[in-house]
Protein backbone atom coordinates (compact mmCIF):
# COMPACT_ATOMS: atom_id res chain seq x y z
CA UNK A 1 54.07 -46.78 82.27
CA UNK A 2 50.97 -44.66 82.91
CA UNK A 3 47.47 -46.07 82.85
CA UNK A 4 45.09 -44.75 80.21
CA UNK A 5 41.86 -43.55 81.73
CA UNK A 6 38.34 -43.61 80.40
CA UNK A 7 34.97 -43.10 82.03
CA UNK A 8 31.61 -44.78 82.29
CA UNK A 9 28.57 -42.54 81.80
CA UNK A 10 25.81 -43.69 84.18
CA UNK A 11 23.07 -41.17 83.35
CA UNK A 12 20.63 -43.71 81.93
CA UNK A 13 20.97 -46.02 84.98
CA UNK A 14 20.56 -43.14 87.44
CA UNK A 15 17.49 -41.91 85.58
CA UNK A 16 15.97 -45.39 85.82
CA UNK A 17 16.54 -45.54 89.58
CA UNK A 18 14.53 -42.30 89.83
CA UNK A 19 11.69 -43.63 87.68
CA UNK A 20 12.61 -41.66 84.56
CA UNK A 21 12.54 -44.04 81.62
CA UNK A 22 12.13 -41.56 78.76
CA UNK A 23 14.62 -38.92 77.70
CA UNK A 24 11.78 -36.40 77.34
CA UNK A 25 11.26 -36.51 81.11
CA UNK A 26 14.69 -34.97 81.65
CA UNK A 27 14.30 -31.90 79.42
CA UNK A 28 11.82 -29.93 81.62
CA UNK A 29 13.87 -30.67 84.73
CA UNK A 30 16.96 -29.26 83.01
CA UNK A 31 14.96 -26.22 81.83
CA UNK A 32 13.91 -25.52 85.45
CA UNK A 33 17.62 -25.17 86.22
CA UNK A 34 18.35 -22.88 83.26
CA UNK A 35 19.72 -25.55 80.91
CA UNK A 36 17.97 -25.27 77.54
CA UNK A 37 18.61 -28.30 75.31
CA UNK A 38 16.68 -29.62 72.34
CA UNK A 39 15.03 -33.04 72.40
CA UNK A 40 17.81 -34.49 70.24
CA UNK A 41 20.53 -33.02 72.50
CA UNK A 42 18.91 -34.53 75.59
CA UNK A 43 18.53 -37.87 73.79
CA UNK A 44 22.24 -37.90 72.86
CA UNK A 45 23.17 -36.88 76.41
CA UNK A 46 21.28 -39.87 77.82
CA UNK A 47 22.05 -42.49 75.19
CA UNK A 48 25.66 -41.67 74.26
CA UNK A 49 28.73 -41.07 76.37
CA UNK A 50 29.40 -37.32 75.99
CA UNK A 51 32.88 -36.19 74.98
CA UNK A 52 32.21 -32.59 76.06
CA UNK A 53 29.80 -31.41 78.71
CA UNK A 54 29.38 -28.03 80.37
CA UNK A 55 29.86 -27.95 84.12
CA UNK A 56 26.49 -26.23 84.52
CA UNK A 57 24.80 -29.18 82.80
CA UNK A 58 26.76 -31.63 84.94
CA UNK A 59 25.78 -29.82 88.15
CA UNK A 60 22.14 -29.67 87.00
CA UNK A 61 22.15 -33.44 86.36
CA UNK A 62 23.58 -34.19 89.80
CA UNK A 63 20.93 -31.94 91.35
CA UNK A 64 18.08 -33.55 89.40
CA UNK A 65 19.24 -37.08 90.24
CA UNK A 66 20.37 -36.33 93.79
CA UNK A 67 23.74 -37.94 93.19
CA UNK A 68 27.42 -37.13 93.35
CA UNK A 69 29.54 -36.53 90.24
CA UNK A 70 31.41 -39.80 90.88
CA UNK A 71 28.14 -41.69 90.53
CA UNK A 72 27.34 -40.02 87.21
CA UNK A 73 30.84 -40.08 85.73
CA UNK A 74 32.72 -43.15 86.90
CA UNK A 75 36.44 -43.25 86.05
CA UNK A 76 37.65 -46.59 84.69
CA UNK A 77 40.88 -47.88 83.20
CA UNK A 78 40.75 -47.87 79.40
CA UNK A 79 41.16 -51.10 77.53
CA UNK A 80 44.65 -51.24 76.11
CA UNK A 81 44.66 -51.62 72.37
CA UNK A 82 47.40 -53.62 70.75
CA UNK A 83 48.96 -52.31 67.58
CA UNK A 84 47.98 -54.30 64.53
CA UNK A 85 50.84 -56.02 62.75
CA UNK A 86 50.55 -56.11 58.98
CA UNK A 87 49.68 -59.59 57.78
CA UNK A 88 48.59 -60.78 61.22
CA UNK A 89 45.14 -62.30 61.29
CA UNK A 90 42.85 -61.37 64.16
CA UNK A 91 42.56 -64.01 66.87
CA UNK A 92 38.90 -64.55 66.10
CA UNK A 93 39.37 -64.92 62.33
CA UNK A 94 37.89 -68.41 62.57
CA UNK A 95 39.63 -70.03 59.60
CA UNK A 96 42.11 -72.08 61.60
CA UNK A 97 43.39 -75.05 59.56
CA UNK A 98 41.05 -74.27 56.66
CA UNK A 99 43.38 -71.88 54.93
CA UNK A 100 43.52 -72.18 51.13
CA UNK A 101 46.61 -73.66 49.52
CA UNK A 102 48.70 -71.41 47.35
CA UNK A 103 48.08 -71.99 43.63
CA UNK A 104 51.02 -73.15 41.58
CA UNK A 105 50.99 -72.16 37.92
CA UNK A 106 53.17 -74.13 35.54
CA UNK A 107 53.61 -72.96 31.93
CA UNK A 108 52.05 -75.18 29.29
CA UNK A 109 49.89 -77.29 31.58
CA UNK A 110 46.12 -77.21 31.67
């Protein structure tokens, strides 16, 4: 069985170690290196884990932060998801013994 891989995006933490606490501080540094991104693109780059990223942007980020790619993009094992079985309650459903009793309808009774 092969292990599913994922990655941890450490841009925000690396920015903080270099005293950059606002996403707007990153945009001019990227522009100096020929990477032109809008404010919203830079914000998403910092706040979210990117699914696609150009290598030029990645190299510019490592240059700005003085780090290696492994520090910026850290490979991790993905959490294995279990297939949901129909009718199975989640473990944290929280109803326990307080399940309702099935109603029994008898003709003619009120």
